[in-house]
């Protein structure tokens, strides 16, 4: 084991860039699948023994949604459709997961958990990948003040959006209960964080970005406090948002520009395995040195052209992506129980048929509008999201109705910014 680590730290010269990423994808998939399976067994055993579900389980910090998002981001970085700075977000998420094992209620048995061991392995592998393969390109990204917007920001949006989706279903509960009040406050904090991130992505004002980056930290701290006051435990998502907000503040205030300038001289050689050179991109033999940055930019431009092809989504807007992810996750949560054949649940969906038909059509139009870059389809999606509120006037549907209104607003803002060419 020690010899393997020493070999990897020395650079792992025989390993290509693709192999590094493929191994990371396999490790992350194993981590989340094993963690989810072990948490199900642990919960089932606890209910049989004492009838209580344990507060701390692997699924509370290794959700399947997060695993899918992480694997998607890693795959996109491997294909060079996202810049390598997205690995920092994956690294921070792994660090957050690791910290959760040491936070109260801490138990020595946590350190023997297989999820704990697998998480350390993934954490080490990400660090070695950055160090041996992507360090030069990461330093180049740190020199760009807006580089984080096309990588880290989207991972945050995806995590926040999937975390928000199920919260609105709980609004049908008793409004006088403590859990209702907690859910309401927690939902507001999640929406606030999502709003701040979207504003920072689309803003071009340095002063505004600095102010909102500090508000991100404040929002994360408030979310941690709200969750701790209810369950006496540090919020996993709040802690992740806090670490990520600190990183974004450092980026916005230019602290990593100085780090990149001081470290660049220490990174002596660019690892050419980080660039999957294609025959049509090879440079002819000329005198002097080849500019590696030009080759990287050429590859990024090539991938951007592929992204803008008719077969792919044309309109890449953070506001629209947020709305699409929340809508798809919400539909998935509501439709999945249909496969369980619960008659009562079928009755609930029948009562809210108009709402969910409009909601589903709006989601489809939103996806097609993003894919084709059609402002008309996007406006139609926004209108249908709002119209879906009319189909469910009952107070039980206050949560889904609020969600429909929020999605309509997100789509409307994304369409307005698209019209302005932003």
Protein backbone atom coordinates (compact mmCIF):
# COMPACT_ATOMS: atom_id res chain seq x y z
CA UNK A 1 0.00 0.00 0.00
CA UNK A 2 2.80 2.41 0.91
CA UNK A 3 4.66 1.62 -2.29
CA UNK A 4 1.49 2.30 -4.29
CA UNK A 5 1.02 5.69 -2.64
CA UNK A 6 4.66 6.59 -3.25
CA UNK A 7 4.30 5.59 -6.88
CA UNK A 8 1.16 7.71 -7.31
CA UNK A 9 2.76 10.67 -5.52
CA UNK A 10 5.71 10.45 -7.90
CA UNK A 11 3.29 11.07 -10.73
CA UNK A 12 2.20 7.65 -11.94
CA UNK A 13 3.87 8.26 -15.27
CA UNK A 14 2.37 5.20 -16.95
CA UNK A 15 -1.21 6.32 -16.22
CA UNK A 16 -3.02 8.50 -18.72
CA UNK A 17 -5.39 11.29 -17.77
CA UNK A 18 -8.41 9.20 -18.74
CA UNK A 19 -7.35 6.34 -16.46
CA UNK A 20 -7.03 8.71 -13.49
CA UNK A 21 -10.60 9.93 -14.03
CA UNK A 22 -12.04 6.47 -14.75
CA UNK A 23 -10.62 5.11 -11.50
CA UNK A 24 -12.03 8.11 -9.63
CA UNK A 25 -15.46 7.50 -11.17
CA UNK A 26 -15.35 3.85 -10.10
CA UNK A 27 -14.28 4.78 -6.56
CA UNK A 28 -17.05 7.37 -6.19
CA UNK A 29 -19.67 4.95 -7.54
CA UNK A 30 -18.57 2.25 -5.09
CA UNK A 31 -18.56 4.76 -2.22
CA UNK A 32 -22.14 5.93 -2.77
CA UNK A 33 -23.61 2.53 -3.60
CA UNK A 34 -21.99 0.82 -0.63
CA UNK A 35 -22.91 3.69 1.71
CA UNK A 36 -26.52 3.68 0.57
CA UNK A 37 -26.78 -0.11 0.94
CA UNK A 38 -25.18 -0.15 4.38
CA UNK A 39 -27.46 2.65 5.60
CA UNK A 40 -30.54 0.69 4.54
CA UNK A 41 -29.32 -2.36 6.46
CA UNK A 42 -28.50 -0.22 9.51
CA UNK A 43 -31.89 1.50 9.50
CA UNK A 44 -33.75 -1.78 9.05
CA UNK A 45 -31.84 -3.42 11.89
CA UNK A 46 -32.42 -0.46 14.24
CA UNK A 47 -36.15 -0.42 13.59
CA UNK A 48 -36.39 -4.13 14.32
CA UNK A 49 -34.44 -3.81 17.57
CA UNK A 50 -35.87 -0.66 19.16
CA UNK A 51 -38.30 0.78 16.62
CA UNK A 52 -36.21 3.94 16.10
CA UNK A 53 -34.39 5.14 13.02
CA UNK A 54 -30.77 6.20 13.80
CA UNK A 55 -30.05 9.92 13.50
CA UNK A 56 -26.66 9.42 11.87
CA UNK A 57 -26.56 7.08 8.86
CA UNK A 58 -24.35 6.93 5.80
CA UNK A 59 -27.29 7.91 3.59
CA UNK A 60 -27.57 11.23 5.45
CA UNK A 61 -24.26 12.35 3.93
CA UNK A 62 -23.87 9.96 0.96
CA UNK A 63 -27.18 10.39 -0.86
CA UNK A 64 -27.70 8.79 -4.25
CA UNK A 65 -28.55 12.21 -5.70
CA UNK A 66 -25.17 13.60 -4.65
CA UNK A 67 -23.42 10.53 -6.02
CA UNK A 68 -25.04 11.00 -9.42
CA UNK A 69 -24.11 14.70 -9.45
CA UNK A 70 -20.50 14.01 -8.46
CA UNK A 71 -20.06 11.31 -11.13
CA UNK A 72 -21.64 13.60 -13.75
CA UNK A 73 -19.29 16.48 -12.88
CA UNK A 74 -16.22 14.21 -12.93
CA UNK A 75 -17.26 12.77 -16.28
CA UNK A 76 -17.75 16.27 -17.73
CA UNK A 77 -14.32 17.33 -16.50
CA UNK A 78 -12.78 14.21 -17.98
CA UNK A 79 -14.37 15.07 -21.34
CA UNK A 80 -13.09 18.66 -20.91
CA UNK A 81 -16.59 20.16 -21.00
CA UNK A 82 -16.08 21.66 -17.53
CA UNK A 83 -12.82 23.12 -16.31
CA UNK A 84 -10.77 21.25 -13.73
CA UNK A 85 -11.67 23.68 -10.96
CA UNK A 86 -14.80 21.58 -10.52
CA UNK A 87 -12.55 19.02 -8.82
CA UNK A 88 -12.16 21.50 -5.96
CA UNK A 89 -15.91 21.28 -5.30
CA UNK A 90 -15.72 17.47 -5.35
CA UNK A 91 -12.75 17.68 -2.97
CA UNK A 92 -14.63 19.99 -0.59
CA UNK A 93 -17.66 17.69 -0.64
CA UNK A 94 -15.43 14.74 0.33
CA UNK A 95 -13.87 16.82 3.12
CA UNK A 96 -17.35 17.71 4.40
CA UNK A 97 -18.35 14.06 4.40
CA UNK A 98 -15.18 13.22 6.31
CA UNK A 99 -15.80 15.92 8.92
CA UNK A 100 -19.33 14.63 9.55
CA UNK A 101 -17.87 11.44 11.03
CA UNK A 102 -16.04 13.48 13.70
CA UNK A 103 -18.79 15.96 14.57
CA UNK A 104 -21.29 15.31 17.41
CA UNK A 105 -22.72 12.82 18.04
CA UNK A 106 -19.27 11.31 17.50
CA UNK A 107 -18.71 7.62 18.06
CA UNK A 108 -15.43 5.67 17.70
CA UNK A 109 -17.38 3.16 15.60
CA UNK A 110 -17.70 5.86 12.93
CA UNK A 111 -14.02 5.41 12.11
CA UNK A 112 -14.61 1.72 11.43
CA UNK A 113 -17.44 2.47 9.02
CA UNK A 114 -16.71 1.26 5.49
CA UNK A 115 -18.02 4.57 4.13
CA UNK A 116 -15.41 6.39 6.20
CA UNK A 117 -12.60 4.28 4.72
CA UNK A 118 -13.88 4.58 1.14
CA UNK A 119 -14.29 8.34 1.55
CA UNK A 120 -10.64 8.69 2.61
CA UNK A 121 -9.57 6.66 -0.43
CA UNK A 122 -11.59 8.94 -2.75
CA UNK A 123 -10.25 12.03 -1.02
CA UNK A 124 -6.64 10.90 -1.48
CA UNK A 125 -7.26 9.99 -5.11
CA UNK A 126 -8.77 13.40 -5.92
CA UNK A 127 -5.79 15.14 -4.35
CA UNK A 128 -3.32 12.98 -6.29
CA UNK A 129 -5.26 13.58 -9.51
CA UNK A 130 -5.03 17.34 -9.05
CA UNK A 131 -1.38 17.21 -7.99
CA UNK A 132 -0.08 14.88 -10.71
CA UNK A 133 -2.34 15.66 -13.66
CA UNK A 134 -4.31 18.91 -13.40
CA UNK A 135 -2.22 21.26 -11.26
CA UNK A 136 -1.00 23.42 -14.12
CA UNK A 137 -4.46 23.86 -15.59
CA UNK A 138 -5.91 24.56 -12.14
CA UNK A 139 -3.38 27.36 -11.63
CA UNK A 140 -4.37 28.78 -15.02
CA UNK A 141 -8.02 28.73 -13.96
CA UNK A 142 -7.19 30.52 -10.71
CA UNK A 143 -5.84 33.40 -12.78
CA UNK A 144 -9.30 33.87 -14.30
CA UNK A 145 -11.64 35.63 -11.89
CA UNK A 146 -14.74 34.05 -13.47
CA UNK A 147 -13.35 30.52 -13.96
CA UNK A 148 -15.29 29.15 -10.98
CA UNK A 149 -18.63 30.06 -12.57
CA UNK A 150 -18.45 27.32 -15.20
CA UNK A 151 -17.50 24.49 -12.85
CA UNK A 152 -17.90 24.87 -9.09
CA UNK A 153 -21.03 26.99 -9.34
CA UNK A 154 -22.94 24.37 -11.32
CA UNK A 155 -22.15 21.61 -8.83
CA UNK A 156 -23.48 23.86 -6.05
CA UNK A 157 -26.61 24.57 -8.09
CA UNK A 158 -27.24 20.88 -8.67
CA UNK A 159 -26.75 19.94 -5.01
CA UNK A 160 -28.93 22.82 -3.77
CA UNK A 161 -31.65 22.12 -6.35
CA UNK A 162 -31.92 18.42 -5.53
CA UNK A 163 -31.98 19.29 -1.83
CA UNK A 164 -34.80 21.81 -2.30
CA UNK A 165 -37.12 19.59 -4.39
CA UNK A 166 -38.56 17.33 -1.63
CA UNK A 167 -38.98 20.12 0.92
CA UNK A 168 -42.17 21.51 -0.60
CA UNK A 169 -43.99 18.19 -0.28
CA UNK A 170 -43.74 18.46 3.51
CA UNK A 171 -45.76 21.68 3.55
CA UNK A 172 -49.00 19.69 3.64
CA UNK A 173 -48.38 18.83 7.29
CA UNK A 174 -49.86 20.45 10.40
CA UNK A 175 -48.84 24.11 10.39
CA UNK A 176 -48.71 24.21 14.18
CA UNK A 177 -46.08 21.46 14.40
CA UNK A 178 -42.43 22.17 15.15
CA UNK A 179 -41.25 20.24 12.11
CA UNK A 180 -43.38 22.47 9.86
CA UNK A 181 -41.73 25.60 11.26
CA UNK A 182 -38.30 24.05 10.89
CA UNK A 183 -38.99 22.94 7.31
CA UNK A 184 -40.20 26.41 6.42
CA UNK A 185 -37.07 28.11 7.78
CA UNK A 186 -34.77 25.51 6.21
CA UNK A 187 -36.46 25.88 2.81
CA UNK A 188 -36.10 29.66 2.92
CA UNK A 189 -32.37 29.33 3.66
CA UNK A 190 -31.87 26.85 0.80
CA UNK A 191 -33.71 29.15 -1.61
CA UNK A 192 -31.67 32.12 -0.43
CA UNK A 193 -28.42 30.26 -1.07
CA UNK A 194 -29.63 29.22 -4.53
CA UNK A 195 -30.62 32.80 -5.34
CA UNK A 196 -27.25 34.20 -4.21
CA UNK A 197 -25.33 31.70 -6.34
CA UNK A 198 -27.42 32.48 -9.43
CA UNK A 199 -26.97 36.22 -8.97
CA UNK A 200 -23.21 35.80 -8.60
CA UNK A 201 -22.98 33.68 -11.75
CA UNK A 202 -24.84 36.21 -13.92
CA UNK A 203 -23.40 39.35 -12.32
CA UNK A 204 -20.48 41.17 -13.94
CA UNK A 205 -19.95 43.68 -11.13
CA UNK A 206 -16.91 42.93 -8.96
CA UNK A 207 -18.35 44.85 -6.00
CA UNK A 208 -21.66 43.01 -6.22
CA UNK A 209 -19.92 39.65 -6.38
CA UNK A 210 -17.84 40.46 -3.30
CA UNK A 211 -20.91 41.50 -1.33
CA UNK A 212 -22.90 38.44 -2.35
CA UNK A 213 -19.98 36.11 -1.66
CA UNK A 214 -19.93 37.34 1.94
CA UNK A 215 -23.69 36.86 2.10
CA UNK A 216 -23.12 33.25 1.01
CA UNK A 217 -21.04 32.66 4.13
CA UNK A 218 -23.67 34.35 6.29
CA UNK A 219 -26.44 32.27 4.72
CA UNK A 220 -24.47 29.05 5.34
CA UNK A 221 -23.89 29.94 8.99
CA UNK A 222 -27.58 30.73 9.51
CA UNK A 223 -28.57 27.40 7.93
CA UNK A 224 -26.17 25.55 10.23
CA UNK A 225 -27.69 27.37 13.22
CA UNK A 226 -31.28 26.64 12.14
CA UNK A 227 -30.61 22.91 11.76
CA UNK A 228 -28.59 22.67 14.98
CA UNK A 229 -31.35 24.38 16.97
CA UNK A 230 -33.81 21.70 15.85
CA UNK A 231 -31.85 18.42 15.86
CA UNK A 232 -28.70 19.40 17.83
CA UNK A 233 -26.53 18.35 14.92
CA UNK A 234 -24.42 20.21 12.36
CA UNK A 235 -26.12 20.37 8.97
CA UNK A 236 -24.22 18.44 6.29
CA UNK A 237 -25.36 20.74 3.51
CA UNK A 238 -24.81 23.83 5.63
CA UNK A 239 -21.23 22.77 6.32
CA UNK A 240 -20.62 22.01 2.65
CA UNK A 241 -22.07 25.37 1.63
CA UNK A 242 -19.86 27.08 4.23
CA UNK A 243 -16.63 25.50 2.94
CA UNK A 244 -17.61 26.24 -0.64
CA UNK A 245 -18.59 29.82 0.22
CA UNK A 246 -15.21 30.42 1.84
CA UNK A 247 -13.52 29.13 -1.32
CA UNK A 248 -15.69 31.37 -3.53
CA UNK A 249 -14.89 34.40 -1.33
CA UNK A 250 -11.19 33.68 -1.77
CA UNK A 251 -11.69 33.45 -5.54
CA UNK A 252 -13.76 36.62 -5.80
CA UNK A 253 -11.31 38.64 -3.68
CA UNK A 254 -8.39 37.41 -5.82
CA UNK A 255 -6.52 35.49 -3.12
CA UNK A 256 -5.97 32.49 -5.40
CA UNK A 257 -4.43 34.74 -8.07
CA UNK A 258 -1.50 35.28 -5.71
CA UNK A 259 -1.35 31.58 -4.88
CA UNK A 260 -1.26 30.70 -8.58
CA UNK A 261 1.54 33.20 -9.20
CA UNK A 262 3.66 31.80 -6.34
CA UNK A 263 3.03 28.14 -7.16
CA UNK A 264 3.44 28.39 -10.91
CA UNK A 265 7.22 28.44 -10.71
CA UNK A 266 7.16 25.28 -8.59
CA UNK A 267 5.13 23.37 -11.15
CA UNK A 268 8.04 22.78 -13.50
CA UNK A 269 6.46 20.66 -16.22
CA UNK A 270 2.94 20.58 -17.58
CA UNK A 271 1.73 16.99 -17.55
CA UNK A 272 0.91 16.41 -21.20
CA UNK A 273 -1.29 13.47 -20.22
CA UNK A 274 -3.80 16.07 -19.04
CA UNK A 275 -4.43 16.97 -22.66
CA UNK A 276 -6.02 14.30 -24.79
CA UNK A 277 -4.33 15.39 -28.01
CA UNK A 278 -6.28 14.50 -31.13
CA UNK A 279 -4.73 14.10 -34.59
CA UNK A 280 -6.49 17.20 -35.93
CA UNK A 281 -5.20 19.26 -32.99
CA UNK A 282 -1.57 18.31 -33.26
CA UNK A 283 0.69 21.25 -33.97
CA UNK A 284 3.16 21.12 -36.83
CA UNK A 285 6.84 21.07 -36.12
CA UNK A 286 7.92 24.69 -35.69
CA UNK A 287 10.83 26.37 -34.08
CA UNK A 288 10.41 27.46 -30.48
CA UNK A 289 8.20 26.16 -27.72
CA UNK A 290 4.58 25.20 -28.15
CA UNK A 291 2.23 27.25 -26.01
CA UNK A 292 0.38 24.70 -23.91
CA UNK A 293 -2.28 27.26 -23.02
CA UNK A 294 -3.11 27.70 -26.71
CA UNK A 295 -3.55 23.95 -27.02
CA UNK A 296 -5.82 23.93 -23.95
CA UNK A 297 -7.88 26.82 -25.31
CA UNK A 298 -8.20 25.09 -28.66
CA UNK A 299 -9.52 21.98 -26.95
CA UNK A 300 -12.01 24.01 -24.90
CA UNK A 301 -13.21 25.83 -28.03
CA UNK A 302 -13.63 22.51 -29.79
CA UNK A 303 -15.71 21.14 -26.93
CA UNK A 304 -17.77 24.34 -26.78
CA UNK A 305 -18.58 23.93 -30.45
CA UNK A 306 -19.77 20.40 -29.69
CA UNK A 307 -21.85 21.73 -26.79
CA UNK A 308 -23.54 24.23 -29.11
CA UNK A 309 -24.40 21.65 -31.75
CA UNK A 310 -28.14 21.07 -32.42
CA UNK A 311 -28.00 17.75 -30.56
CA UNK A 312 -27.04 19.42 -27.29
CA UNK A 313 -28.50 22.07 -24.99
CA UNK A 314 -27.82 25.49 -26.50
CA UNK A 315 -29.02 27.77 -23.71
CA UNK A 316 -26.70 27.26 -20.73
CA UNK A 317 -28.33 29.44 -18.06
CA UNK A 318 -27.88 28.84 -14.35
CA UNK A 319 -31.40 30.11 -13.66
CA UNK A 320 -32.94 27.71 -16.16
CA UNK A 321 -30.77 24.80 -15.03
CA UNK A 322 -31.93 25.39 -11.44
CA UNK A 323 -35.58 25.35 -12.50
CA UNK A 324 -35.13 22.23 -14.66
CA UNK A 325 -33.36 20.22 -11.94
CA UNK A 326 -35.88 21.16 -9.24
CA UNK A 327 -38.82 20.35 -11.55
CA UNK A 328 -37.43 16.97 -12.66
CA UNK A 329 -36.58 15.93 -9.09
CA UNK A 330 -40.00 17.01 -7.83
CA UNK A 331 -41.77 15.03 -10.56
CA UNK A 332 -39.60 12.01 -9.80
CA UNK A 333 -40.47 12.16 -6.11
CA UNK A 334 -44.19 12.46 -6.84
CA UNK A 335 -44.44 9.87 -9.62
CA UNK A 336 -42.20 7.15 -8.15
CA UNK A 337 -44.79 6.03 -5.54
CA UNK A 338 -47.12 5.15 -8.45
CA UNK A 339 -45.05 2.02 -8.94
CA UNK A 340 -45.86 1.00 -5.36
CA UNK A 341 -49.56 0.81 -6.20
CA UNK A 342 -50.83 2.70 -3.15
CA UNK A 343 -54.58 3.43 -3.79
CA UNK A 344 -54.59 6.46 -1.45
CA UNK A 345 -51.65 7.97 -3.29
CA UNK A 346 -53.40 7.43 -6.62
CA UNK A 347 -56.35 9.37 -5.23
CA UNK A 348 -54.09 12.26 -4.23
CA UNK A 349 -52.60 12.41 -7.71
CA UNK A 350 -56.09 12.25 -9.21
CA UNK A 351 -57.16 15.28 -7.17
CA UNK A 352 -54.06 17.17 -8.27
CA UNK A 353 -54.20 15.92 -11.87
CA UNK A 354 -54.53 19.39 -13.43
CA UNK A 355 -51.60 20.65 -11.38
CA UNK A 356 -49.25 17.83 -12.33
CA UNK A 357 -50.29 17.75 -16.00
CA UNK A 358 -49.45 21.45 -16.33
CA UNK A 359 -46.30 20.94 -14.26
CA UNK A 360 -45.12 18.06 -16.47
CA UNK A 361 -45.83 19.89 -19.73
CA UNK A 362 -44.02 22.97 -18.40
CA UNK A 363 -40.98 20.86 -17.51
CA UNK A 364 -40.88 19.33 -20.99
CA UNK A 365 -41.22 22.75 -22.64
CA UNK A 366 -38.44 24.09 -20.41
CA UNK A 367 -36.07 21.32 -21.51
CA UNK A 368 -36.93 21.73 -25.20
CA UNK A 369 -36.63 25.50 -24.92
CA UNK A 370 -33.18 25.22 -23.37
CA UNK A 371 -32.12 22.72 -26.01
CA UNK A 372 -33.31 24.83 -28.95
CA UNK A 373 -32.74 28.25 -27.40
CA UNK A 374 -36.40 29.15 -27.97
CA UNK A 375 -37.65 32.13 -25.97
CA UNK A 376 -41.25 31.32 -26.88
CA UNK A 377 -41.07 27.85 -25.35
CA UNK A 378 -39.39 29.23 -22.24
CA UNK A 379 -42.13 31.83 -21.80
CA UNK A 380 -44.77 29.13 -22.28
CA UNK A 381 -43.06 26.98 -19.62
CA UNK A 382 -43.02 29.88 -17.15
CA UNK A 383 -46.73 30.55 -17.76
CA UNK A 384 -47.66 26.87 -17.35
CA UNK A 385 -45.78 26.64 -14.06
CA UNK A 386 -47.89 29.53 -12.74
CA UNK A 387 -51.12 28.14 -14.25
CA UNK A 388 -50.55 24.83 -12.45
CA UNK A 389 -51.31 26.67 -9.19
CA UNK A 390 -54.95 27.11 -10.26
CA UNK A 391 -55.48 23.35 -10.49
CA UNK A 392 -54.90 22.80 -6.76
CA UNK A 393 -56.54 25.51 -4.60
CA UNK A 394 -56.68 23.21 -1.55
CA UNK A 395 -54.42 24.19 1.36
CA UNK A 396 -52.78 20.74 1.26
CA UNK A 397 -51.11 21.77 -2.00
CA UNK A 398 -49.61 24.97 -0.68
CA UNK A 399 -46.11 23.48 -0.95
CA UNK A 400 -46.33 22.35 -4.59
CA UNK A 401 -48.09 25.62 -5.47
CA UNK A 402 -45.29 27.70 -3.95
CA UNK A 403 -42.77 25.56 -5.81
CA UNK A 404 -44.62 26.12 -9.11
CA UNK A 405 -44.54 29.88 -8.57
CA UNK A 406 -40.82 29.82 -7.73
CA UNK A 407 -40.07 27.77 -10.87
CA UNK A 408 -42.06 30.23 -12.96
CA UNK A 409 -40.00 33.09 -11.56
CA UNK A 410 -36.71 31.24 -12.19
CA UNK A 411 -37.65 30.51 -15.81
CA UNK A 412 -38.85 34.09 -16.32
CA UNK A 413 -35.57 35.54 -15.00
CA UNK A 414 -33.53 33.14 -17.12
CA UNK A 415 -35.53 34.10 -20.22
CA UNK A 416 -35.14 37.83 -19.54
CA UNK A 417 -31.37 37.46 -19.19
CA UNK A 418 -31.31 35.43 -22.40
CA UNK A 419 -33.16 38.22 -24.22
CA UNK A 420 -30.60 40.71 -22.97
CA UNK A 421 -27.80 38.51 -24.33
CA UNK A 422 -26.33 37.92 -20.86
